[in-house]
Amino acid sequence: MNEVIEFPLKRTLERKLHDQMEVLDILYDELNAQHVMLNDLELNANNIEKNYNKLLAKYARMVGVDSIPIGFLQYSTEARIYLGENNQFEVSFDPEDEDEDEGEN
């Protein structure tokens, strides 16, 4: 059998629950807004990375892959660092084949 709760205690608990529900609603709305903002930032970064890779590919065709400064490769999602012969780190850059005119911005 259920325990009988005194009326003032029940009302107090209900008020506290409603207060917490309001706080949670505000927090959930803020979390949702932050998720939307994060998604927008990720899409923007992805687009800029694609453009950066196109510009870097154009640069690599001009100067040769071996002449690309390491700092330029740091932001490329198409640059790879691996352990080569003689246990030396080597960098490769194999851009995707894209239209040369794209990425001029």
N, C-alpha and C. Protein backbone atom coordinates (compact mmCIF):
# COMPACT_ATOMS: atom_id res chain seq x y z
N MET A 1 0.83 -1.17 0.00
CA MET A 1 0.00 0.00 0.00
C MET A 1 0.89 1.24 0.00
N ASN A 2 0.46 2.27 -0.73
CA ASN A 2 1.24 3.50 -0.82
C ASN A 2 1.20 4.30 0.46
N GLU A 3 2.31 4.94 0.69
CA GLU A 3 2.41 5.77 1.87
C GLU A 3 1.65 7.08 1.63
N VAL A 4 0.97 7.56 2.60
CA VAL A 4 0.22 8.80 2.49
C VAL A 4 1.19 9.96 2.71
N ILE A 5 1.21 10.89 1.75
CA ILE A 5 2.08 12.05 1.85
C ILE A 5 1.25 13.22 2.32
N GLU A 6 1.76 13.93 3.28
CA GLU A 6 1.05 15.09 3.78
C GLU A 6 0.91 16.11 2.66
N PHE A 7 -0.19 16.81 2.66
CA PHE A 7 -0.54 17.75 1.62
C PHE A 7 0.52 18.82 1.39
N PRO A 8 1.04 19.52 2.40
CA PRO A 8 2.04 20.56 2.14
C PRO A 8 3.31 19.98 1.50
N LEU A 9 3.72 18.79 1.91
CA LEU A 9 4.92 18.18 1.36
C LEU A 9 4.71 17.84 -0.12
N LYS A 10 3.54 17.31 -0.44
CA LYS A 10 3.23 16.96 -1.83
C LYS A 10 3.28 18.22 -2.69
N ARG A 11 2.67 19.28 -2.22
CA ARG A 11 2.64 20.53 -2.99
C ARG A 11 4.06 21.10 -3.16
N THR A 12 4.86 21.01 -2.13
CA THR A 12 6.24 21.50 -2.19
C THR A 12 7.06 20.71 -3.21
N LEU A 13 6.90 19.40 -3.17
CA LEU A 13 7.61 18.55 -4.13
C LEU A 13 7.16 18.83 -5.56
N GLU A 14 5.88 19.01 -5.76
CA GLU A 14 5.37 19.31 -7.10
C GLU A 14 5.92 20.64 -7.61
N ARG A 15 5.98 21.63 -6.74
CA ARG A 15 6.52 22.94 -7.13
C ARG A 15 7.99 22.80 -7.50
N LYS A 16 8.75 22.05 -6.72
CA LYS A 16 10.16 21.84 -7.02
C LYS A 16 10.34 21.11 -8.35
N LEU A 17 9.49 20.12 -8.58
CA LEU A 17 9.55 19.39 -9.85
C LEU A 17 9.26 20.32 -11.03
N HIS A 18 8.24 21.16 -10.90
CA HIS A 18 7.89 22.10 -11.96
C HIS A 18 9.03 23.11 -12.19
N ASP A 19 9.63 23.57 -11.10
CA ASP A 19 10.77 24.49 -11.23
C ASP A 19 11.91 23.83 -12.00
N GLN A 20 12.20 22.61 -11.65
CA GLN A 20 13.28 21.89 -12.34
C GLN A 20 12.93 21.63 -13.81
N MET A 21 11.66 21.37 -14.08
CA MET A 21 11.22 21.18 -15.47
C MET A 21 11.47 22.45 -16.28
N GLU A 22 11.19 23.60 -15.71
CA GLU A 22 11.42 24.86 -16.41
C GLU A 22 12.90 25.07 -16.68
N VAL A 23 13.71 24.78 -15.69
CA VAL A 23 15.16 24.92 -15.87
C VAL A 23 15.64 23.97 -16.96
N LEU A 24 15.17 22.75 -16.92
CA LEU A 24 15.58 21.77 -17.93
C LEU A 24 15.13 22.18 -19.33
N ASP A 25 13.93 22.72 -19.45
CA ASP A 25 13.46 23.19 -20.75
C ASP A 25 14.38 24.27 -21.31
N ILE A 26 14.79 25.19 -20.45
CA ILE A 26 15.71 26.25 -20.88
C ILE A 26 17.05 25.66 -21.30
N LEU A 27 17.57 24.73 -20.50
CA LEU A 27 18.85 24.10 -20.83
C LEU A 27 18.77 23.30 -22.12
N TYR A 28 17.68 22.55 -22.32
CA TYR A 28 17.53 21.77 -23.54
C TYR A 28 17.46 22.68 -24.77
N ASP A 29 16.76 23.80 -24.64
CA ASP A 29 16.69 24.75 -25.76
C ASP A 29 18.08 25.30 -26.08
N GLU A 30 18.84 25.61 -25.04
CA GLU A 30 20.19 26.13 -25.25
C GLU A 30 21.10 25.08 -25.86
N LEU A 31 21.00 23.84 -25.38
CA LEU A 31 21.78 22.76 -25.96
C LEU A 31 21.45 22.58 -27.44
N ASN A 32 20.19 22.62 -27.77
CA ASN A 32 19.79 22.48 -29.16
C ASN A 32 20.38 23.62 -30.01
N ALA A 33 20.31 24.84 -29.51
CA ALA A 33 20.87 25.98 -30.24
C ALA A 33 22.38 25.81 -30.44
N GLN A 34 23.06 25.32 -29.41
CA GLN A 34 24.50 25.11 -29.51
C GLN A 34 24.83 23.99 -30.51
N HIS A 35 24.02 22.95 -30.55
CA HIS A 35 24.23 21.87 -31.53
C HIS A 35 24.07 22.41 -32.94
N VAL A 36 23.07 23.24 -33.16
CA VAL A 36 22.86 23.84 -34.49
C VAL A 36 24.07 24.70 -34.85
N MET A 37 24.54 25.51 -33.90
CA MET A 37 25.69 26.37 -34.16
C MET A 37 26.94 25.54 -34.46
N LEU A 38 27.16 24.48 -33.69
CA LEU A 38 28.31 23.61 -33.92
C LEU A 38 28.24 22.96 -35.29
N ASN A 39 27.07 22.50 -35.68
CA ASN A 39 26.90 21.90 -36.99
C ASN A 39 27.22 22.90 -38.09
N ASP A 40 26.74 24.13 -37.94
CA ASP A 40 27.03 25.18 -38.93
C ASP A 40 28.53 25.46 -39.01
N LEU A 41 29.20 25.50 -37.86
CA LEU A 41 30.65 25.72 -37.86
C LEU A 41 31.39 24.58 -38.55
N GLU A 42 30.95 23.34 -38.30
CA GLU A 42 31.59 22.19 -38.94
C GLU A 42 31.39 22.22 -40.45
N LEU A 43 30.20 22.58 -40.90
CA LEU A 43 29.96 22.69 -42.34
C LEU A 43 30.82 23.78 -42.95
N ASN A 44 30.93 24.92 -42.28
CA ASN A 44 31.76 26.01 -42.76
C ASN A 44 33.22 25.59 -42.83
N ALA A 45 33.72 24.95 -41.78
CA ALA A 45 35.11 24.48 -41.77
C ALA A 45 35.35 23.48 -42.88
N ASN A 46 34.41 22.58 -43.11
CA ASN A 46 34.54 21.59 -44.17
C ASN A 46 34.64 22.26 -45.53
N ASN A 47 33.79 23.25 -45.78
CA ASN A 47 33.84 23.97 -47.05
C ASN A 47 35.16 24.70 -47.24
N ILE A 48 35.65 25.32 -46.18
CA ILE A 48 36.92 26.04 -46.28
C ILE A 48 38.08 25.06 -46.46
N GLU A 49 38.01 23.90 -45.80
CA GLU A 49 39.05 22.88 -46.00
C GLU A 49 39.08 22.41 -47.45
N LYS A 50 37.90 22.20 -48.04
CA LYS A 50 37.85 21.78 -49.45
C LYS A 50 38.49 22.84 -50.33
N ASN A 51 38.16 24.11 -50.09
CA ASN A 51 38.74 25.19 -50.88
C ASN A 51 40.25 25.27 -50.65
N TYR A 52 40.68 25.12 -49.40
CA TYR A 52 42.10 25.13 -49.08
C TYR A 52 42.84 24.02 -49.82
N ASN A 53 42.25 22.82 -49.84
CA ASN A 53 42.88 21.71 -50.55
C ASN A 53 43.01 21.99 -52.04
N LYS A 54 42.01 22.63 -52.62
CA LYS A 54 42.07 22.97 -54.05
C LYS A 54 43.18 23.99 -54.31
N LEU A 55 43.26 25.00 -53.44
CA LEU A 55 44.32 26.01 -53.61
C LEU A 55 45.70 25.38 -53.42
N LEU A 56 45.82 24.51 -52.44
CA LEU A 56 47.10 23.85 -52.19
C LEU A 56 47.47 22.94 -53.36
N ALA A 57 46.50 22.27 -53.94
CA ALA A 57 46.78 21.42 -55.10
C ALA A 57 47.29 22.26 -56.26
N LYS A 58 46.70 23.40 -56.46
CA LYS A 58 47.16 24.30 -57.53
C LYS A 58 48.58 24.77 -57.23
N TYR A 59 48.84 25.11 -55.97
CA TYR A 59 50.18 25.53 -55.57
C TYR A 59 51.18 24.39 -55.78
N ALA A 60 50.78 23.17 -55.41
CA ALA A 60 51.67 22.01 -55.55
C ALA A 60 52.02 21.77 -57.02
N ARG A 61 51.08 21.99 -57.91
CA ARG A 61 51.37 21.83 -59.34
C ARG A 61 52.38 22.88 -59.81
N MET A 62 52.37 24.06 -59.19
CA MET A 62 53.29 25.13 -59.57
C MET A 62 54.70 24.88 -59.04
N VAL A 63 54.81 24.46 -57.78
CA VAL A 63 56.14 24.37 -57.16
C VAL A 63 56.64 22.94 -57.00
N GLY A 64 55.76 21.95 -57.15
CA GLY A 64 56.13 20.56 -56.92
C GLY A 64 55.84 20.16 -55.48
N VAL A 65 55.41 18.93 -55.31
CA VAL A 65 55.00 18.44 -53.99
C VAL A 65 56.14 18.55 -52.98
N ASP A 66 57.37 18.27 -53.41
CA ASP A 66 58.51 18.31 -52.48
C ASP A 66 58.83 19.72 -52.00
N SER A 67 58.30 20.73 -52.68
CA SER A 67 58.61 22.12 -52.31
C SER A 67 57.49 22.79 -51.51
N ILE A 68 56.47 22.03 -51.14
CA ILE A 68 55.39 22.61 -50.34
C ILE A 68 55.88 22.78 -48.91
N PRO A 69 55.80 23.99 -48.36
CA PRO A 69 56.19 24.17 -46.96
C PRO A 69 55.31 23.31 -46.03
N ILE A 70 55.94 22.76 -45.02
CA ILE A 70 55.23 21.89 -44.07
C ILE A 70 54.02 22.62 -43.47
N GLY A 71 54.18 23.89 -43.18
CA GLY A 71 53.08 24.66 -42.60
C GLY A 71 51.84 24.67 -43.48
N PHE A 72 52.04 24.66 -44.80
CA PHE A 72 50.90 24.63 -45.72
C PHE A 72 50.17 23.29 -45.63
N LEU A 73 50.92 22.23 -45.40
CA LEU A 73 50.32 20.89 -45.34
C LEU A 73 49.55 20.67 -44.04
N GLN A 74 49.89 21.44 -43.04
CA GLN A 74 49.27 21.26 -41.72
C GLN A 74 47.75 21.40 -41.76
N TYR A 75 47.23 22.24 -42.63
CA TYR A 75 45.79 22.47 -42.69
C TYR A 75 45.10 21.62 -43.76
N SER A 76 45.86 20.88 -44.50
CA SER A 76 45.28 20.09 -45.57
C SER A 76 44.75 18.76 -45.05
N THR A 77 43.54 18.43 -45.46
CA THR A 77 42.97 17.13 -45.10
C THR A 77 43.44 16.04 -46.06
N GLU A 78 44.25 16.43 -47.06
CA GLU A 78 44.75 15.46 -48.04
C GLU A 78 46.24 15.19 -47.88
N ALA A 79 46.88 15.82 -46.91
CA ALA A 79 48.30 15.57 -46.64
C ALA A 79 48.42 14.37 -45.70
N ARG A 80 49.44 13.57 -45.92
CA ARG A 80 49.66 12.38 -45.09
C ARG A 80 51.10 12.35 -44.61
N ILE A 81 51.28 12.02 -43.36
CA ILE A 81 52.62 11.84 -42.80
C ILE A 81 52.77 10.37 -42.45
N TYR A 82 53.87 9.79 -42.89
CA TYR A 82 54.07 8.37 -42.63
C TYR A 82 55.55 8.11 -42.37
N LEU A 83 55.84 6.97 -41.80
CA LEU A 83 57.21 6.57 -41.53
C LEU A 83 57.74 5.86 -42.77
N GLY A 84 58.69 6.48 -43.41
CA GLY A 84 59.24 5.94 -44.65
C GLY A 84 60.47 5.10 -44.43
N GLU A 85 61.24 4.96 -45.50
CA GLU A 85 62.49 4.20 -45.42
C GLU A 85 63.44 4.89 -44.45
N ASN A 86 64.34 4.13 -43.91
CA ASN A 86 65.33 4.64 -42.94
C ASN A 86 64.66 5.25 -41.71
N ASN A 87 63.44 4.83 -41.42
CA ASN A 87 62.69 5.33 -40.26
C ASN A 87 62.60 6.85 -40.22
N GLN A 88 62.49 7.47 -41.37
CA GLN A 88 62.33 8.92 -41.47
C GLN A 88 60.86 9.22 -41.77
N PHE A 89 60.36 10.28 -41.15
CA PHE A 89 59.00 10.70 -41.45
C PHE A 89 58.98 11.32 -42.83
N GLU A 90 57.97 10.97 -43.60
CA GLU A 90 57.81 11.53 -44.93
C GLU A 90 56.40 12.08 -45.05
N VAL A 91 56.29 13.08 -45.90
CA VAL A 91 55.00 13.73 -46.11
C VAL A 91 54.60 13.52 -47.56
N SER A 92 53.36 13.16 -47.76
CA SER A 92 52.85 13.07 -49.13
C SER A 92 51.60 13.93 -49.23
N PHE A 93 51.38 14.41 -50.41
CA PHE A 93 50.19 15.22 -50.68
C PHE A 93 49.63 14.75 -52.00
N ASP A 94 48.52 14.06 -51.94
CA ASP A 94 47.85 13.57 -53.14
C ASP A 94 46.47 14.19 -53.22
N PRO A 95 46.38 15.34 -53.89
CA PRO A 95 45.08 16.00 -53.97
C PRO A 95 44.12 15.23 -54.85
N GLU A 96 42.85 15.38 -54.53
CA GLU A 96 41.83 14.79 -55.38
C GLU A 96 41.84 15.56 -56.70
N ASP A 97 41.55 14.89 -57.79
CA ASP A 97 41.48 15.58 -59.07
C ASP A 97 40.24 16.45 -59.10
N GLU A 98 40.47 17.75 -59.19
CA GLU A 98 39.35 18.71 -59.21
C GLU A 98 39.64 19.71 -60.30
N ASP A 99 38.64 20.44 -60.69
CA ASP A 99 38.77 21.47 -61.69
C ASP A 99 39.74 22.53 -61.19
N GLU A 100 40.74 22.90 -62.01
CA GLU A 100 41.75 23.86 -61.59
C GLU A 100 41.17 25.23 -61.33
N ASP A 101 40.10 25.60 -62.01
CA ASP A 101 39.54 26.94 -61.86
C ASP A 101 38.80 27.11 -60.55
N GLU A 102 38.39 26.02 -59.92
CA GLU A 102 37.71 26.13 -58.65
C GLU A 102 38.70 26.50 -57.57
N GLY A 103 38.26 27.16 -56.53
CA GLY A 103 39.11 27.48 -55.41
C GLY A 103 39.96 28.72 -55.62
N GLU A 104 39.60 29.56 -56.56
CA GLU A 104 40.36 30.77 -56.81
C GLU A 104 40.12 31.82 -55.75
N ASN A 105 39.08 31.67 -54.93
CA ASN A 105 38.71 32.70 -53.95
C ASN A 105 39.71 32.83 -52.85
